Amino acid sequence: MTHPAPPASLRERKKIRTRQALAEAAVALFGERGFDATPLDELLAAVEVSRRTFFRYYRSKEDVALTAVKELWSVFLEVLDEEQRSGPLRDVFRDVLLAALARMDEDWHRRFATTIRLAAESPALEGHSLLHCAEMQAEIRRRLDLQDGLEPRLLVEFCVVAWRSAVDEWLPTCAPGELPGHVRRAFAAMDSGLHLEA
């Protein structure tokens, strides 16, 4: 994953390191013991930070667990803002998603796969994930300047479903280089999928 230039101040660098340490420890602990079975205090002890420090960086245990998911969609929005895009919106969504994935490193792929599995096992984390997804869909429609009508909402929903289907196909292997191919196939299957007959 490409990162911006490191902050000049020692304090800012320490903040970034603490935030990253919390996210990495969360994925490791939750992946080993389960999200629901791991109290927040165990995470704090592993990273040696106080509750007060933790809540400076994350709103909740669910928030830190979803760091890898939120990183992807944050980069997605950055890519979307980088240049004016034209053409079918489905293709724009796919191409921006592929560009965002190209910026993620192998460690991100590992953390992301663990996060998706954790969400599947925890109703609390899945609920938090769905809320974040709804917020991202609204933000994507806003940045694409789409009217708040049925067709734009359905289009973004279809794109999100294609993404989720690609992730489901990828999860058995979790090979970093394979996820873009699954994304391309899922988006290519949208049209034929919508025209299947009973």
Protein backbone atom coordinates (compact mmCIF):
# COMPACT_ATOMS: atom_id res chain seq x y z
CA MET A 1 0.00 0.00 0.00
CA THR A 2 1.38 3.41 -0.84
CA HIS A 3 1.55 5.83 2.05
CA PRO A 4 1.90 9.61 2.10
CA ALA A 5 5.23 11.12 3.10
CA PRO A 6 5.93 10.51 6.79
CA PRO A 7 4.85 13.32 9.12
CA ALA A 8 7.64 15.67 10.12
CA SER A 9 7.04 15.60 13.86
CA LEU A 10 8.01 12.76 16.17
CA ARG A 11 4.62 13.05 17.85
CA GLU A 12 2.75 12.45 14.58
CA ARG A 13 4.96 9.48 13.73
CA LYS A 14 4.31 8.01 17.17
CA LYS A 15 0.55 8.42 16.68
CA ILE A 16 0.69 6.54 13.38
CA ARG A 17 2.79 3.75 14.92
CA THR A 18 0.38 3.40 17.85
CA ARG A 19 -2.64 3.29 15.56
CA GLN A 20 -0.98 0.65 13.35
CA ALA A 21 0.12 -1.41 16.36
CA LEU A 22 -3.44 -1.45 17.68
CA ALA A 23 -4.84 -2.53 14.31
CA GLU A 24 -2.25 -5.27 13.81
CA ALA A 25 -2.60 -6.60 17.36
CA ALA A 26 -6.39 -6.58 17.02
CA VAL A 27 -6.34 -8.71 13.88
CA ALA A 28 -3.82 -11.13 15.43
CA LEU A 29 -5.70 -11.52 18.73
CA PHE A 30 -9.18 -11.62 17.25
CA GLY A 31 -8.02 -14.04 14.56
CA GLU A 32 -6.53 -16.36 17.18
CA ARG A 33 -9.24 -16.19 19.85
CA GLY A 34 -12.31 -14.88 18.04
CA PHE A 35 -13.70 -11.35 18.05
CA ASP A 36 -16.46 -11.90 20.60
CA ALA A 37 -14.23 -13.99 22.91
CA THR A 38 -11.49 -11.34 23.15
CA PRO A 39 -12.12 -8.49 25.62
CA LEU A 40 -10.86 -5.05 24.68
CA ASP A 41 -8.62 -5.09 27.77
CA GLU A 42 -6.60 -7.98 26.28
CA LEU A 43 -5.90 -5.90 23.19
CA LEU A 44 -4.90 -2.91 25.31
CA ALA A 45 -2.55 -5.08 27.38
CA ALA A 46 -0.95 -6.54 24.24
CA VAL A 47 -0.13 -3.08 22.89
CA GLU A 48 0.44 -1.56 26.35
CA VAL A 49 -1.92 1.37 25.93
CA SER A 50 -4.65 2.74 28.17
CA ARG A 51 -8.35 2.85 27.34
CA ARG A 52 -8.05 6.61 27.01
CA THR A 53 -5.28 6.23 24.42
CA PHE A 54 -7.24 3.57 22.53
CA PHE A 55 -10.31 5.80 22.22
CA ARG A 56 -8.17 8.58 20.77
CA TYR A 57 -7.63 6.36 17.72
CA TYR A 58 -10.72 4.14 17.49
CA ARG A 59 -14.36 4.50 18.46
CA SER A 60 -14.84 0.87 19.49
CA LYS A 61 -13.52 -2.68 19.40
CA GLU A 62 -15.49 -3.13 16.14
CA ASP A 63 -13.86 -0.05 14.66
CA VAL A 64 -10.31 -1.32 15.20
CA ALA A 65 -11.24 -4.80 13.96
CA LEU A 66 -12.43 -3.33 10.64
CA THR A 67 -9.27 -1.29 10.00
CA ALA A 68 -8.30 -3.25 6.87
CA VAL A 69 -11.78 -2.82 5.36
CA LYS A 70 -11.77 0.90 6.11
CA GLU A 71 -8.27 1.31 4.67
CA LEU A 72 -9.43 -0.08 1.33
CA TRP A 73 -12.46 2.19 1.08
CA SER A 74 -10.44 5.21 2.20
CA VAL A 75 -8.00 4.55 -0.66
CA PHE A 76 -10.97 3.92 -3.00
CA LEU A 77 -12.27 7.44 -2.24
CA GLU A 78 -8.79 8.92 -2.74
CA VAL A 79 -8.50 7.26 -6.17
CA LEU A 80 -12.02 8.39 -7.07
CA ASP A 81 -11.05 12.00 -6.31
CA GLU A 82 -7.76 11.93 -8.23
CA GLU A 83 -9.12 12.46 -11.70
CA GLN A 84 -12.32 13.12 -13.61
CA ARG A 85 -13.81 9.84 -14.80
CA SER A 86 -16.25 9.13 -17.57
CA GLY A 87 -18.02 6.13 -19.07
CA PRO A 88 -20.43 3.60 -17.60
CA LEU A 89 -20.55 4.04 -13.84
CA ARG A 90 -20.20 0.30 -13.29
CA ASP A 91 -16.85 0.43 -15.11
CA VAL A 92 -15.78 3.50 -13.14
CA PHE A 93 -16.54 1.70 -9.86
CA ARG A 94 -14.64 -1.42 -11.00
CA ASP A 95 -11.61 0.51 -12.26
CA VAL A 96 -11.36 2.63 -9.11
CA LEU A 97 -11.65 -0.51 -6.99
CA LEU A 98 -8.88 -2.22 -8.98
CA ALA A 99 -6.65 0.85 -8.65
CA ALA A 100 -7.27 0.90 -4.89
CA LEU A 101 -6.41 -2.80 -4.61
CA ALA A 102 -3.17 -2.18 -6.52
CA ARG A 103 -2.08 0.14 -3.72
CA MET A 104 -2.59 -2.44 -0.97
CA ASP A 105 0.36 -4.59 0.10
CA GLU A 106 0.50 -8.29 1.00
CA ASP A 107 0.11 -7.58 4.70
CA TRP A 108 -3.11 -5.74 3.97
CA HIS A 109 -4.45 -8.79 2.09
CA ARG A 110 -3.70 -11.01 5.09
CA ARG A 111 -5.37 -8.63 7.55
CA PHE A 112 -8.33 -8.10 5.22
CA ALA A 113 -8.96 -11.84 4.83
CA THR A 114 -8.87 -12.33 8.62
CA THR A 115 -11.25 -9.40 9.09
CA ILE A 116 -13.79 -10.80 6.62
CA ARG A 117 -13.73 -14.17 8.39
CA LEU A 118 -14.13 -12.50 11.79
CA ALA A 119 -17.15 -10.52 10.59
CA ALA A 120 -18.78 -13.72 9.31
CA GLU A 121 -18.48 -15.22 12.81
CA SER A 122 -19.60 -12.19 14.86
CA PRO A 123 -23.04 -10.57 14.53
CA ALA A 124 -21.75 -7.43 16.29
CA LEU A 125 -18.84 -7.03 13.89
CA GLU A 126 -21.00 -7.89 10.86
CA GLY A 127 -23.49 -5.22 11.91
CA HIS A 128 -20.72 -2.65 12.22
CA SER A 129 -19.41 -3.70 8.81
CA LEU A 130 -22.84 -3.29 7.20
CA LEU A 131 -23.20 0.18 8.72
CA HIS A 132 -19.79 1.18 7.34
CA CYS A 133 -20.80 -0.23 3.93
CA ALA A 134 -23.98 1.87 3.90
CA GLU A 135 -21.98 4.99 4.80
CA MET A 136 -19.49 4.30 2.01
CA GLN A 137 -22.24 3.75 -0.55
CA ALA A 138 -23.79 7.11 0.33
CA GLU A 139 -20.38 8.79 0.11
CA ILE A 140 -19.59 7.18 -3.26
CA ARG A 141 -22.93 8.38 -4.67
CA ARG A 142 -22.20 11.86 -3.33
CA ARG A 143 -18.71 12.00 -4.85
CA LEU A 144 -19.99 10.73 -8.19
CA ASP A 145 -22.69 13.41 -7.99
CA LEU A 146 -25.46 10.86 -8.42
CA GLN A 147 -29.04 11.83 -7.75
CA ASP A 148 -30.65 10.10 -4.79
CA GLY A 149 -32.96 7.96 -6.92
CA LEU A 150 -33.65 4.29 -7.38
CA GLU A 151 -31.29 3.66 -10.32
CA PRO A 152 -28.15 5.19 -8.73
CA ARG A 153 -28.82 3.33 -5.48
CA LEU A 154 -29.31 0.04 -7.32
CA LEU A 155 -26.18 0.56 -9.40
CA VAL A 156 -23.97 1.11 -6.36
CA GLU A 157 -25.66 -1.83 -4.58
CA PHE A 158 -24.96 -4.09 -7.57
CA CYS A 159 -21.32 -2.99 -7.61
CA VAL A 160 -20.97 -3.72 -3.88
CA VAL A 161 -22.55 -7.16 -4.36
CA ALA A 162 -20.11 -7.85 -7.22
CA TRP A 163 -17.24 -6.86 -4.90
CA ARG A 164 -18.52 -9.11 -2.10
CA SER A 165 -18.93 -12.00 -4.54
CA ALA A 166 -15.34 -11.50 -5.71
CA VAL A 167 -14.12 -11.56 -2.10
CA ASP A 168 -16.09 -14.77 -1.42
CA GLU A 169 -14.45 -16.41 -4.45
CA TRP A 170 -11.01 -15.21 -3.32
CA LEU A 171 -11.17 -16.20 0.37
CA PRO A 172 -10.33 -19.92 -0.02
CA THR A 173 -6.82 -19.05 -1.28
CA CYS A 174 -6.33 -15.40 -0.18
CA ALA A 175 -3.52 -15.04 -2.71
CA PRO A 176 -2.87 -11.26 -3.01
CA GLY A 177 -2.41 -11.36 -6.79
CA GLU A 178 -5.69 -13.19 -7.42
CA LEU A 179 -8.21 -10.73 -5.96
CA PRO A 180 -8.22 -8.33 -8.97
CA GLY A 181 -9.04 -11.23 -11.32
CA HIS A 182 -11.99 -12.21 -9.16
CA VAL A 183 -13.16 -8.57 -9.21
CA ARG A 184 -13.00 -8.43 -13.01
CA ARG A 185 -14.93 -11.68 -13.37
CA ALA A 186 -17.61 -10.65 -10.88
CA PHE A 187 -18.22 -7.31 -12.62
CA ALA A 188 -18.22 -8.99 -16.04
CA ALA A 189 -20.89 -11.42 -14.82
CA MET A 190 -23.31 -8.68 -13.72
CA ASP A 191 -25.15 -8.34 -17.03
CA SER A 192 -25.56 -12.03 -17.72
CA GLY A 193 -26.51 -12.63 -14.10
CA LEU A 194 -29.34 -10.10 -14.31
CA HIS A 195 -30.72 -11.80 -17.42
CA LEU A 196 -30.83 -15.36 -16.09
CA GLU A 197 -34.24 -16.93 -16.53
CA ALA A 198 -36.21 -19.20 -14.24
